[in-house]
C-alpha cells in the first residue's frame, strides 16, 4: 500500500471551531439536520469531556501505526487526530507515548476507528480519546498509508480541516465550509431548547408544547381508562 502525506490543508476558522465547541454533539448534529455522526461505536475513554478541533486525518493499514507517527508532524494547536484503517481493526494502535507527543503540539484529542491502550495513563494526563475498542494488542510499523486525505467512518466522510466535536454522546463532523452556519444553527437550537426547558420546569407537557395531542389523534391513538381497557381485553 503506497500513500501520501498532504501538507498545509485548509482548516475551519478558529472562531467557528470555538463556537461549535460550546454545544454538545447532539445539538450540533440536530442543527445539521441529524447528520454528521460517526456512529455509536466510538466511545470516550474518559467522561465529562467535550472537545472541538480541526481534523488531521490518517488512513492506516490495520494493526500498523506507522502513519500515526507521520501524522504527528502534521498536527498543531487546536487539531484533533482522526484515525481509521483500510479494513476493520481493534488493535491498540495508540497509547500514552503518542498522546505525550500530540499534547506537546497542542492537539486536543484523538478519534480512532480502531483500538487504543494505556487508557489509565491517558485519563491521568488529560488527553481525550474516543475509540472503537480498547486493546493491549500491539502493532507494527511496516506499511505505508496516507495523512490528510478524506477518510470515512461509519459512512461519514472526514476531510482534513473539517471540525470534529466530541463528548460523552459520541463524535460529529462538521464540513469546514459549513462551520459558521452550523454554529449559528446550534445557537438557535440551544435557545429553543432553553425555552422548552423553562416551560417543562413550569409544568408544561411536551404533548401540549409540541402539539402532539393532535398528532396522536390523527394517528388513531385513543385514551381509555384502566377499567375500560381491562374490560375490552376479553372481547
Protein backbone atom coordinates (compact mmCIF):
# COMPACT_ATOMS: atom_id res chain seq x y z
CA UNK A 1 0.00 0.00 0.00
CA UNK A 2 1.53 3.30 -1.07
CA UNK A 3 0.25 6.62 0.20
CA UNK A 4 0.65 10.36 0.51
CA UNK A 5 1.13 12.91 3.28
CA UNK A 6 -0.75 16.07 2.37
CA UNK A 7 0.71 19.19 3.99
CA UNK A 8 -0.95 22.51 4.74
CA UNK A 9 -4.64 21.67 4.12
CA UNK A 10 -7.25 24.41 4.69
CA UNK A 11 -8.81 24.46 8.13
CA UNK A 12 -12.05 25.81 9.52
CA UNK A 13 -11.68 29.24 11.12
CA UNK A 14 -10.62 29.07 14.77
CA UNK A 15 -13.51 31.26 15.92
CA UNK A 16 -16.03 28.92 14.29
CA UNK A 17 -14.40 25.90 15.90
CA UNK A 18 -14.61 27.56 19.30
CA UNK A 19 -18.24 28.48 18.70
CA UNK A 20 -19.12 24.87 17.86
CA UNK A 21 -17.26 23.69 20.95
CA UNK A 22 -19.87 25.43 23.10
CA UNK A 23 -22.53 22.94 22.03
CA UNK A 24 -22.95 19.22 22.54
CA UNK A 25 -22.64 16.61 19.83
CA UNK A 26 -26.39 16.02 19.81
CA UNK A 27 -27.13 19.72 19.34
CA UNK A 28 -24.61 20.09 16.51
CA UNK A 29 -25.91 17.02 14.71
CA UNK A 30 -29.51 18.16 15.03
CA UNK A 31 -28.51 21.61 13.76
CA UNK A 32 -27.16 19.91 10.61
CA UNK A 33 -30.40 18.04 10.03
CA UNK A 34 -29.45 14.99 12.11
CA UNK A 35 -26.31 14.28 10.09
CA UNK A 36 -22.56 14.05 10.68
CA UNK A 37 -22.48 11.49 13.48
CA UNK A 38 -19.63 8.98 13.34
CA UNK A 39 -21.74 6.17 14.76
CA UNK A 40 -22.48 4.70 18.19
CA UNK A 41 -19.37 2.51 18.38
CA UNK A 42 -16.90 5.34 19.03
CA UNK A 43 -16.90 5.68 22.79
CA UNK A 44 -14.97 8.01 25.11
CA UNK A 45 -12.16 6.66 27.26
CA UNK A 46 -12.92 9.45 29.76
CA UNK A 47 -16.16 11.03 30.99
CA UNK A 48 -17.31 14.62 31.24
CA UNK A 49 -15.04 15.96 28.48
CA UNK A 50 -16.02 17.88 25.37
CA UNK A 51 -13.59 18.94 22.66
CA UNK A 52 -13.78 20.69 19.31
CA UNK A 53 -10.94 20.99 16.83
CA UNK A 54 -9.85 20.69 13.23
CA UNK A 55 -9.27 17.23 11.80
CA UNK A 56 -5.91 15.79 10.83
CA UNK A 57 -6.83 12.52 9.14
CA UNK A 58 -4.93 9.24 8.98
CA UNK A 59 -5.59 6.19 6.81
CA UNK A 60 -3.58 3.24 8.13
CA UNK A 61 -3.18 -0.44 7.47
CA UNK A 62 -4.88 -2.48 10.24
CA UNK A 63 -2.50 -3.33 13.07
CA UNK A 64 0.06 -0.82 11.79
CA UNK A 65 0.59 2.62 13.34
CA UNK A 66 3.37 3.90 11.07
CA UNK A 67 1.16 6.63 9.61
CA UNK A 68 0.20 7.92 13.04
CA UNK A 69 3.90 8.70 13.52
CA UNK A 70 3.86 10.52 10.19
CA UNK A 71 0.71 12.41 11.18
CA UNK A 72 2.14 13.79 14.43
CA UNK A 73 4.37 16.10 12.39
CA UNK A 74 1.30 17.50 10.61
CA UNK A 75 -0.59 18.23 13.84
CA UNK A 76 -0.71 21.60 15.53
CA UNK A 77 -2.56 23.74 18.04
CA UNK A 78 -6.29 23.07 18.07
CA UNK A 79 -6.25 19.92 15.94
CA UNK A 80 -7.96 16.59 16.56
CA UNK A 81 -6.30 13.47 15.15
CA UNK A 82 -8.76 11.20 13.31
CA UNK A 83 -7.51 7.69 12.51
CA UNK A 84 -9.14 4.89 10.56
CA UNK A 85 -7.90 1.73 8.87
CA UNK A 86 -8.33 0.19 5.45
CA UNK A 87 -10.22 -2.74 6.98
CA UNK A 88 -11.65 -3.29 10.47
CA UNK A 89 -9.13 -3.41 13.31
CA UNK A 90 -9.32 -3.42 17.11
CA UNK A 91 -5.58 -3.49 17.79
CA UNK A 92 -4.21 -0.95 20.27
CA UNK A 93 -2.68 1.42 17.73
CA UNK A 94 -2.37 4.42 20.06
CA UNK A 95 -1.15 4.89 23.60
CA UNK A 96 0.42 7.22 26.13
CA UNK A 97 3.61 7.97 24.17
CA UNK A 98 1.65 9.18 21.14
CA UNK A 99 -0.55 11.26 23.43
CA UNK A 100 2.51 12.86 25.02
CA UNK A 101 3.83 13.94 21.63
CA UNK A 102 0.45 15.24 20.48
CA UNK A 103 -0.30 17.05 23.71
CA UNK A 104 3.05 18.83 23.39
CA UNK A 105 1.88 20.12 19.98
CA UNK A 106 -1.44 21.43 21.28
CA UNK A 107 -3.63 18.64 19.88
CA UNK A 108 -6.99 18.46 21.65
CA UNK A 109 -7.70 14.76 21.32
CA UNK A 110 -7.96 11.61 19.26
CA UNK A 111 -10.80 9.90 17.41
CA UNK A 112 -9.75 6.42 16.29
CA UNK A 113 -11.84 3.90 14.42
CA UNK A 114 -9.70 1.11 15.91
CA UNK A 115 -8.16 0.28 19.29
CA UNK A 116 -6.36 2.31 21.93
CA UNK A 117 -4.40 1.28 25.02
CA UNK A 118 -2.81 2.89 28.11
CA UNK A 119 -6.25 4.21 28.98
CA UNK A 120 -5.48 4.90 32.63
CA UNK A 121 -2.46 6.97 31.64
CA UNK A 122 -4.48 8.82 29.01
CA UNK A 123 -7.06 9.80 31.61
CA UNK A 124 -4.41 10.82 34.11
CA UNK A 125 -2.68 13.10 31.60
CA UNK A 126 -5.98 14.60 30.44
CA UNK A 127 -5.68 13.58 26.80
CA UNK A 128 -9.17 12.99 25.40
CA UNK A 129 -9.79 9.88 23.29
CA UNK A 130 -12.76 8.35 21.50
CA UNK A 131 -12.13 4.84 20.19
CA UNK A 132 -13.91 1.82 18.75
CA UNK A 133 -12.05 -0.58 21.04
CA UNK A 134 -9.70 -0.79 24.00
CA UNK A 135 -6.98 -3.39 23.44
CA UNK A 136 -3.49 -4.05 24.72
CA UNK A 137 -2.64 -5.77 21.43
CA UNK A 138 0.46 -4.16 19.96
CA UNK A 139 1.05 -3.10 16.37
CA UNK A 140 3.85 -2.85 13.80
CA UNK A 141 5.30 -0.06 11.68
CA UNK A 142 5.61 -1.68 8.28
CA UNK A 143 3.10 -0.40 5.73
CA UNK A 144 2.54 2.94 4.05
CA UNK A 145 -0.71 4.86 4.30
CA UNK A 146 -1.92 8.43 3.99
CA UNK A 147 -2.30 11.58 6.06
CA UNK A 148 -4.75 14.43 5.48
CA UNK A 149 -6.73 12.62 2.78
CA UNK A 150 -10.51 12.18 3.04
CA UNK A 151 -11.43 9.20 5.22
CA UNK A 152 -14.76 7.58 6.08
CA UNK A 153 -16.05 6.47 9.47
CA UNK A 154 -19.45 4.83 9.69
CA UNK A 155 -20.40 6.30 6.32
CA UNK A 156 -19.37 9.87 7.19
CA UNK A 157 -16.55 11.48 5.22
CA UNK A 158 -14.00 13.48 7.22
CA UNK A 159 -11.58 15.78 5.40
CA UNK A 160 -8.53 17.49 6.79
CA UNK A 161 -9.60 20.78 8.34
CA UNK A 162 -13.20 19.77 8.99
CA UNK A 163 -14.44 20.39 12.53
CA UNK A 164 -14.66 17.50 14.97
CA UNK A 165 -16.86 17.86 18.05
CA UNK A 166 -16.80 15.04 20.60
CA UNK A 167 -18.32 14.49 24.02
CA UNK A 168 -19.87 11.72 26.13
CA UNK A 169 -22.55 11.16 23.46
CA UNK A 170 -20.10 10.45 20.62
CA UNK A 171 -18.46 12.30 17.74
CA UNK A 172 -19.79 14.54 14.96
CA UNK A 173 -18.03 16.04 11.94
CA UNK A 174 -18.91 19.46 10.52
CA UNK A 175 -17.63 20.27 7.00
CA UNK A 176 -15.26 23.21 7.26
CA UNK A 177 -17.28 25.30 4.76
CA UNK A 178 -20.39 24.95 6.93
CA UNK A 179 -18.79 25.58 10.30
CA UNK A 180 -20.11 29.10 10.81
CA UNK A 181 -23.64 28.31 9.62
CA UNK A 182 -23.82 25.21 11.80
CA UNK A 183 -22.56 27.18 14.82
CA UNK A 184 -25.34 29.73 14.26
CA UNK A 185 -27.93 26.99 13.85
CA UNK A 186 -26.66 25.32 17.03
CA UNK A 187 -27.04 28.59 18.91
CA UNK A 188 -30.63 28.92 17.69
CA UNK A 189 -31.41 25.35 18.67
CA UNK A 190 -29.88 25.85 22.11
CA UNK A 191 -32.09 28.91 22.65
CA UNK A 192 -35.17 26.95 21.59
CA UNK A 193 -34.30 24.14 23.98
CA UNK A 194 -33.74 26.62 26.82
CA UNK A 195 -37.26 27.94 26.28
CA UNK A 196 -38.66 24.39 26.31
CA UNK A 197 -36.69 23.57 29.45
CA UNK A 198 -38.17 26.58 31.23
CA UNK A 199 -41.66 25.56 30.13
CA UNK A 200 -41.17 21.99 31.40
CA UNK A 201 -39.89 23.31 34.72
CA UNK A 202 -43.11 25.32 34.89
CA UNK A 203 -45.14 22.14 34.44
CA UNK A 204 -46.00 22.23 30.73
CA UNK A 205 -46.06 18.88 28.94
CA UNK A 206 -44.35 18.11 25.67
CA UNK A 207 -47.71 16.82 24.41
CA UNK A 208 -49.04 20.38 24.60
CA UNK A 209 -45.92 22.39 23.82
CA UNK A 210 -45.21 20.45 20.62
CA UNK A 211 -48.84 19.97 19.58
CA UNK A 212 -48.57 16.20 19.91
CA UNK A 213 -52.09 15.56 21.15
CA UNK A 214 -53.39 16.38 17.69
CA UNK A 215 -50.80 14.08 16.13
CA UNK A 216 -51.84 11.21 18.40
CA UNK A 217 -55.46 11.78 17.36
CA UNK A 218 -54.54 11.79 13.66
CA UNK A 219 -52.67 8.53 14.16
CA UNK A 220 -55.72 6.95 15.75
CA UNK A 221 -54.33 6.69 19.27
CA UNK A 222 -57.18 6.71 21.80
CA UNK A 223 -57.38 7.19 25.58
CA UNK A 224 -59.24 4.58 27.67
CA UNK A 225 -59.49 4.16 31.41
CA UNK A 226 -57.93 1.10 33.00
CA UNK A 227 -61.34 -0.41 33.65
CA UNK A 228 -62.43 0.17 30.05
CA UNK A 229 -59.18 -1.31 28.72
CA UNK A 230 -59.35 -4.33 31.05
CA UNK A 231 -62.98 -5.00 30.18
CA UNK A 232 -62.15 -4.96 26.50
CA UNK A 233 -59.26 -7.43 26.69
CA UNK A 234 -61.55 -10.43 26.65
CA UNK A 235 -63.56 -9.28 23.65
